[in-house]
């Protein structure tokens, strides 16, 4: 099979022919139809996330068709369309797994990080961490739902049911969660890179009442902030924009260092928290909500062979929505 593999941190991916993988007893073999390109892929390839499996097939926003099942698979059959997210395996027995917090499992393994992912024609996945995809989404449109959508949804949920949300960094996750915010009848402000008028226009198109520079104060204090840009300096800026008792949620897996800031920004019962990974419950809940809410995804298609180009466009902030690799 054709695949794009990571051989070393900081090096371009290499086009390679690999043997077709074989499914284990609880796994399904999937013909990849689309794999979205996530900022986490960029953090892995650029060496900002430590100790990936090497060589590695990246990619964890996978949509494909089951073409073979392991002998113990019960949930899927040949021909089923499935989505595969970042969380690829958990132990099921630790205190986190047993308390509904499998996203914090110490032994968890992640797709496109410790498990070969979707930058390939074929992949295998644990049946427990595969999800049916609503037929209203085609393969390319569905792919960004598997991480940008899921992590965006979890980030929003941890912010609480508040009326005015501010989003910092208007990329793949933000453009999906913005639609959920509007579907729920809430208000939205968007904070972008200074001078990024294209992103600000994109945010307004998706329902933002106000869109401006991340360094600028909003027209009124927000109830909660969701930070998707991997920029630690946005944390004190978001706290400063947030009301007393508000919440700032950092939605990424990697962020540059947070600078020192005055305690007064956190005082008055503001909350600063992070999101780590996702749970299967998040996936089931969000993938049920997405078609009901009429979510649409903005995508730019790339052939598998141009994975490095897609990553480069993401690195320089040139994408609106999500890049999607199509084998």
Protein backbone atom coordinates (compact mmCIF):
# COMPACT_ATOMS: atom_id res chain seq x y z
CA UNK A 1 0.00 0.00 0.00
CA UNK A 2 1.05 3.61 -0.48
CA UNK A 3 1.76 5.64 2.66
CA UNK A 4 3.43 8.84 3.78
CA UNK A 5 5.71 8.07 6.70
CA UNK A 6 7.56 10.09 9.29
CA UNK A 7 11.13 8.85 9.72
CA UNK A 8 12.51 11.59 11.98
CA UNK A 9 11.24 14.70 13.75
CA UNK A 10 11.56 17.83 11.66
CA UNK A 11 12.03 15.96 8.38
CA UNK A 12 9.52 15.85 5.52
CA UNK A 13 7.28 12.81 5.25
CA UNK A 14 8.46 10.20 2.77
CA UNK A 15 6.26 8.44 0.19
CA UNK A 16 6.69 4.70 0.74
CA UNK A 17 5.24 1.36 -0.29
CA UNK A 18 4.41 -0.70 2.80
CA UNK A 19 2.94 -4.19 3.25
CA UNK A 20 -0.80 -4.14 3.84
CA UNK A 21 -1.53 -4.32 7.61
CA UNK A 22 -3.46 -7.25 9.02
CA UNK A 23 -6.26 -6.82 11.58
CA UNK A 24 -5.89 -8.36 15.02
CA UNK A 25 -8.77 -10.18 16.72
CA UNK A 26 -10.49 -6.95 17.86
CA UNK A 27 -9.46 -4.83 14.88
CA UNK A 28 -10.91 -3.86 11.54
CA UNK A 29 -8.93 -3.28 8.34
CA UNK A 30 -10.02 -0.02 6.73
CA UNK A 31 -9.61 1.30 3.19
CA UNK A 32 -8.93 4.98 3.86
CA UNK A 33 -11.20 7.30 1.87
CA UNK A 34 -10.15 10.57 3.52
CA UNK A 35 -7.88 11.72 6.35
CA UNK A 36 -7.96 15.29 7.58
CA UNK A 37 -4.74 17.05 8.53
CA UNK A 38 -4.70 18.17 12.15
CA UNK A 39 -2.47 20.63 13.97
CA UNK A 40 -1.52 17.74 16.25
CA UNK A 41 -0.01 16.03 13.18
CA UNK A 42 2.09 19.14 12.74
CA UNK A 43 3.22 19.06 16.39
CA UNK A 44 4.26 15.41 15.93
CA UNK A 45 6.07 15.93 12.63
CA UNK A 46 7.83 19.07 13.89
CA UNK A 47 9.02 17.27 17.04
CA UNK A 48 6.96 19.28 19.52
CA UNK A 49 5.34 16.09 20.85
CA UNK A 50 7.91 13.68 22.18
CA UNK A 51 8.53 10.01 21.45
CA UNK A 52 6.25 9.08 18.55
CA UNK A 53 6.54 5.59 17.16
CA UNK A 54 9.09 5.66 14.35
CA UNK A 55 8.74 5.11 11.52
CA UNK A 56 5.18 6.41 11.77
CA UNK A 57 2.19 6.82 9.49
CA UNK A 58 0.56 10.01 10.87
CA UNK A 59 -3.11 10.93 10.70
CA UNK A 60 -6.01 10.53 13.12
CA UNK A 61 -9.06 12.03 11.40
CA UNK A 62 -9.81 8.97 9.28
CA UNK A 63 -12.89 8.03 7.30
CA UNK A 64 -12.95 4.76 5.40
CA UNK A 65 -14.66 1.48 4.63
CA UNK A 66 -14.18 -1.77 6.53
CA UNK A 67 -12.71 -4.37 4.16
CA UNK A 68 -11.80 -7.08 6.69
CA UNK A 69 -12.64 -7.83 10.32
CA UNK A 70 -10.75 -9.65 13.04
CA UNK A 71 -12.24 -12.87 14.34
CA UNK A 72 -13.65 -11.26 17.53
CA UNK A 73 -15.14 -8.14 15.92
CA UNK A 74 -18.86 -7.77 16.63
CA UNK A 75 -19.68 -4.10 16.05
CA UNK A 76 -18.80 -3.69 12.36
CA UNK A 77 -19.04 -5.69 9.14
CA UNK A 78 -17.30 -5.55 5.79
CA UNK A 79 -18.64 -2.56 3.85
CA UNK A 80 -19.45 -0.41 6.89
CA UNK A 81 -18.20 3.17 6.81
CA UNK A 82 -16.33 4.19 9.96
CA UNK A 83 -14.45 7.10 11.44
CA UNK A 84 -11.27 6.71 13.50
CA UNK A 85 -10.20 9.46 15.96
CA UNK A 86 -7.09 10.33 18.00
CA UNK A 87 -7.85 8.04 20.96
CA UNK A 88 -7.05 4.58 19.64
CA UNK A 89 -6.80 2.32 22.70
CA UNK A 90 -7.16 2.42 26.49
CA UNK A 91 -6.54 -0.19 29.17
CA UNK A 92 -10.09 -0.23 30.56
CA UNK A 93 -8.98 -1.08 34.11
CA UNK A 94 -7.16 1.97 35.55
CA UNK A 95 -8.84 4.51 37.85
CA UNK A 96 -9.40 6.88 34.93
CA UNK A 97 -10.98 4.30 32.65
CA UNK A 98 -13.19 3.00 35.46
CA UNK A 99 -14.42 6.51 36.33
CA UNK A 100 -15.46 7.59 32.83
CA UNK A 101 -12.21 9.49 32.19
CA UNK A 102 -10.56 7.17 29.69
CA UNK A 103 -9.10 10.24 27.97
CA UNK A 104 -6.63 10.38 30.90
CA UNK A 105 -5.63 6.70 30.82
CA UNK A 106 -1.90 6.43 31.55
CA UNK A 107 -1.54 3.55 29.08
CA UNK A 108 -3.61 5.11 26.29
CA UNK A 109 -2.35 4.81 22.75
CA UNK A 110 -3.14 7.34 20.05
CA UNK A 111 -3.82 7.03 16.33
CA UNK A 112 -1.10 8.56 14.19
CA UNK A 113 1.24 8.77 17.20
CA UNK A 114 1.79 5.33 18.76
CA UNK A 115 -0.51 3.59 16.25
CA UNK A 116 -0.06 4.00 12.49
CA UNK A 117 -2.74 6.30 11.15
CA UNK A 118 -4.50 7.46 8.03
CA UNK A 119 -1.84 9.00 5.78
CA UNK A 120 -2.05 5.74 3.83
CA UNK A 121 -4.33 3.68 1.64
CA UNK A 122 -5.06 1.18 4.44
CA UNK A 123 -5.08 1.23 8.23
CA UNK A 124 -6.19 -0.97 11.11
CA UNK A 125 -8.11 0.21 14.17
CA UNK A 126 -9.57 -1.23 17.36
CA UNK A 127 -13.31 -1.72 16.80
CA UNK A 128 -14.03 -0.07 20.19
CA UNK A 129 -12.58 3.20 18.91
CA UNK A 130 -14.32 3.31 15.54
CA UNK A 131 -17.57 5.17 14.98
CA UNK A 132 -20.33 5.08 12.40
CA UNK A 133 -20.54 8.21 10.24
CA UNK A 134 -23.89 9.71 9.30
CA UNK A 135 -24.65 9.34 5.60
CA UNK A 136 -25.36 13.07 5.32
CA UNK A 137 -21.59 13.67 5.37
CA UNK A 138 -19.46 12.55 2.46
CA UNK A 139 -16.00 11.15 3.23
CA UNK A 140 -14.09 14.41 2.86
CA UNK A 141 -16.63 16.48 4.77
CA UNK A 142 -16.72 13.94 7.60
CA UNK A 143 -12.96 13.67 8.16
CA UNK A 144 -12.50 16.94 10.14
CA UNK A 145 -15.28 15.89 12.51
CA UNK A 146 -13.00 13.15 13.90
CA UNK A 147 -10.70 15.57 15.77
CA UNK A 148 -11.37 19.22 14.95
CA UNK A 149 -15.03 18.53 15.66
CA UNK A 150 -14.57 16.20 18.62
CA UNK A 151 -11.96 18.25 20.47
CA UNK A 152 -13.81 21.46 19.66
CA UNK A 153 -16.97 19.96 21.11
CA UNK A 154 -15.26 18.76 24.29
CA UNK A 155 -13.60 22.17 24.70
CA UNK A 156 -16.97 23.91 24.38
CA UNK A 157 -18.61 21.49 26.82
CA UNK A 158 -15.95 22.15 29.47
CA UNK A 159 -16.60 25.89 29.14
CA UNK A 160 -20.11 25.42 30.51
CA UNK A 161 -23.52 26.51 29.28
CA UNK A 162 -22.79 30.22 29.12
CA UNK A 163 -24.26 32.76 26.68
CA UNK A 164 -21.21 34.48 25.16
CA UNK A 165 -18.21 32.49 23.93
CA UNK A 166 -14.93 33.85 22.61
CA UNK A 167 -12.79 31.70 20.31
CA UNK A 168 -9.05 32.34 19.97
CA UNK A 169 -7.61 30.90 16.75
CA UNK A 170 -10.15 30.46 13.97
CA UNK A 171 -9.02 27.29 12.23
CA UNK A 172 -10.43 23.81 11.71
CA UNK A 173 -11.76 23.23 15.24
CA UNK A 174 -13.12 26.75 15.58
CA UNK A 175 -15.06 26.70 12.32
CA UNK A 176 -16.95 23.60 13.48
CA UNK A 177 -17.56 24.62 17.09
CA UNK A 178 -18.75 28.05 15.91
CA UNK A 179 -21.63 26.32 14.17
CA UNK A 180 -22.52 24.41 17.34
CA UNK A 181 -22.51 27.64 19.34
CA UNK A 182 -24.90 29.27 16.89
CA UNK A 183 -27.11 26.14 16.75
CA UNK A 184 -27.39 26.29 20.53
CA UNK A 185 -28.51 29.92 20.34
CA UNK A 186 -25.41 31.33 21.98
CA UNK A 187 -23.35 34.36 21.02
CA UNK A 188 -19.86 34.23 19.52
CA UNK A 189 -16.84 36.54 19.33
CA UNK A 190 -13.79 35.50 17.28
CA UNK A 191 -10.16 36.46 17.99
CA UNK A 192 -7.63 35.95 15.18
CA UNK A 193 -4.01 36.71 14.37
CA UNK A 194 -3.55 40.48 14.23
CA UNK A 195 -4.49 41.75 10.79
CA UNK A 196 -5.91 38.44 9.55
CA UNK A 197 -8.96 39.95 7.89
CA UNK A 198 -9.67 36.78 5.88
CA UNK A 199 -10.07 34.74 9.08
CA UNK A 200 -12.19 37.48 10.61
CA UNK A 201 -14.47 37.54 7.57
CA UNK A 202 -14.69 33.73 7.73
CA UNK A 203 -15.71 33.94 11.40
CA UNK A 204 -18.42 36.50 10.67
CA UNK A 205 -19.73 34.28 7.89
CA UNK A 206 -20.11 31.51 10.48
CA UNK A 207 -22.05 33.69 12.89
CA UNK A 208 -19.53 35.69 14.93
CA UNK A 209 -21.05 38.99 16.05
CA UNK A 210 -17.58 40.47 16.39
CA UNK A 211 -14.24 39.38 14.95
CA UNK A 212 -10.96 41.13 15.66
CA UNK A 213 -7.33 40.81 16.63
CA UNK A 214 -6.42 38.53 19.52
CA UNK A 215 -4.48 41.42 21.06
CA UNK A 216 -7.55 43.67 21.10
CA UNK A 217 -10.18 43.80 23.86
CA UNK A 218 -13.64 42.61 22.76
CA UNK A 219 -16.57 45.04 22.71
CA UNK A 220 -17.85 43.47 25.95
CA UNK A 221 -16.47 40.87 28.38
CA UNK A 222 -17.03 37.24 27.40
CA UNK A 223 -18.36 34.45 29.62
CA UNK A 224 -15.86 31.86 28.42
CA UNK A 225 -12.90 31.62 26.07
CA UNK A 226 -11.84 28.65 23.94
CA UNK A 227 -8.18 28.77 22.89
CA UNK A 228 -7.32 26.66 19.84
CA UNK A 229 -4.20 28.53 18.72
CA UNK A 230 -1.05 26.95 20.26
CA UNK A 231 0.13 30.31 21.63
CA UNK A 232 0.67 30.57 25.39
CA UNK A 233 0.54 34.39 25.30
CA UNK A 234 -3.16 34.13 24.51
CA UNK A 235 -3.94 32.76 27.98
CA UNK A 236 -3.51 36.06 29.88
CA UNK A 237 -5.19 37.90 27.00
CA UNK A 238 -8.20 35.57 27.24
CA UNK A 239 -8.35 35.88 31.03
CA UNK A 240 -8.35 39.66 30.65
CA UNK A 241 -11.29 39.44 28.23
CA UNK A 242 -13.31 37.10 30.46
CA UNK A 243 -15.93 38.09 33.03
CA UNK A 244 -15.67 37.36 36.73
CA UNK A 245 -16.41 33.68 37.27
CA UNK A 246 -15.66 32.90 33.62
CA UNK A 247 -13.68 30.00 32.19
CA UNK A 248 -10.73 29.85 29.80
CA UNK A 249 -10.28 26.44 28.16
CA UNK A 250 -7.07 25.52 26.32
CA UNK A 251 -8.16 23.11 23.59
CA UNK A 252 -4.83 22.01 22.10
CA UNK A 253 -2.46 19.18 22.95
CA UNK A 254 0.57 21.48 22.71
CA UNK A 255 1.06 25.17 23.45
CA UNK A 256 4.03 27.47 23.73
CA UNK A 257 4.94 28.54 27.27
CA UNK A 258 2.40 30.67 29.08
CA UNK A 259 4.04 33.92 30.20
CA UNK A 260 3.84 35.14 33.77
CA UNK A 261 0.74 37.21 34.42
CA UNK A 262 -0.75 39.18 37.30
CA UNK A 263 -2.86 37.20 39.75
CA UNK A 264 -5.61 39.80 39.27
CA UNK A 265 -6.34 38.23 35.85
CA UNK A 266 -7.21 34.91 37.50
CA UNK A 267 -8.79 36.33 40.63
CA UNK A 268 -12.57 36.78 40.94
CA UNK A 269 -13.07 33.05 40.47
CA UNK A 270 -11.99 32.80 36.89
CA UNK A 271 -11.10 29.24 35.87
CA UNK A 272 -8.20 28.16 33.63
CA UNK A 273 -8.26 24.55 32.41
CA UNK A 274 -7.09 22.28 29.61
CA UNK A 275 -8.64 19.60 27.44
CA UNK A 276 -6.88 16.26 27.11
CA UNK A 277 -7.86 13.94 24.27
CA UNK A 278 -11.49 12.72 24.15
CA UNK A 279 -13.72 9.92 25.34
CA UNK A 280 -15.89 7.57 23.33
CA UNK A 281 -18.89 9.25 24.92
CA UNK A 282 -17.73 12.59 23.44
CA UNK A 283 -17.56 10.96 20.00
CA UNK A 284 -20.98 9.35 20.21
CA UNK A 285 -22.59 12.55 21.48
CA UNK A 286 -20.95 14.86 18.95
CA UNK A 287 -21.42 12.60 15.91
CA UNK A 288 -25.14 12.43 16.77
CA UNK A 289 -25.34 16.20 17.19
CA UNK A 290 -23.38 17.19 14.06
CA UNK A 291 -25.99 16.21 11.43
CA UNK A 292 -28.84 17.49 13.58
CA UNK A 293 -27.09 20.86 13.89
CA UNK A 294 -26.48 21.01 10.14
CA UNK A 295 -22.70 21.20 10.56
CA UNK A 296 -20.78 21.80 7.34
CA UNK A 297 -17.01 21.62 7.04
CA UNK A 298 -14.79 23.81 4.90
CA UNK A 299 -12.17 21.58 3.31
CA UNK A 300 -9.25 21.75 0.89
CA UNK A 301 -8.46 18.41 -0.79
CA UNK A 302 -4.93 17.17 -1.32
CA UNK A 303 -3.78 13.89 -2.86
CA UNK A 304 -1.95 11.67 -0.39
CA UNK A 305 1.35 12.40 -2.12
CA UNK A 306 1.03 16.10 -1.20
CA UNK A 307 0.79 15.57 2.56
CA UNK A 308 3.89 17.72 3.10
CA UNK A 309 2.26 20.59 1.19
CA UNK A 310 -0.87 20.33 3.35
CA UNK A 311 1.23 20.41 6.51
CA UNK A 312 3.18 23.41 5.21
CA UNK A 313 -0.03 25.34 4.50
CA UNK A 314 -1.27 24.57 7.99
CA UNK A 315 2.08 25.59 9.50
CA UNK A 316 1.91 29.03 7.93
CA UNK A 317 -1.75 29.58 8.75
CA UNK A 318 -2.88 29.68 5.15
CA UNK A 319 -5.90 27.36 5.46
CA UNK A 320 -9.50 28.25 6.12
CA UNK A 321 -11.15 25.16 7.51
CA UNK A 322 -9.28 21.86 7.15
CA UNK A 323 -6.92 20.18 4.70
CA UNK A 324 -8.00 16.64 3.81
CA UNK A 325 -5.81 13.96 2.22
CA UNK A 326 -7.56 11.72 -0.29
CA UNK A 327 -5.67 8.50 -1.18
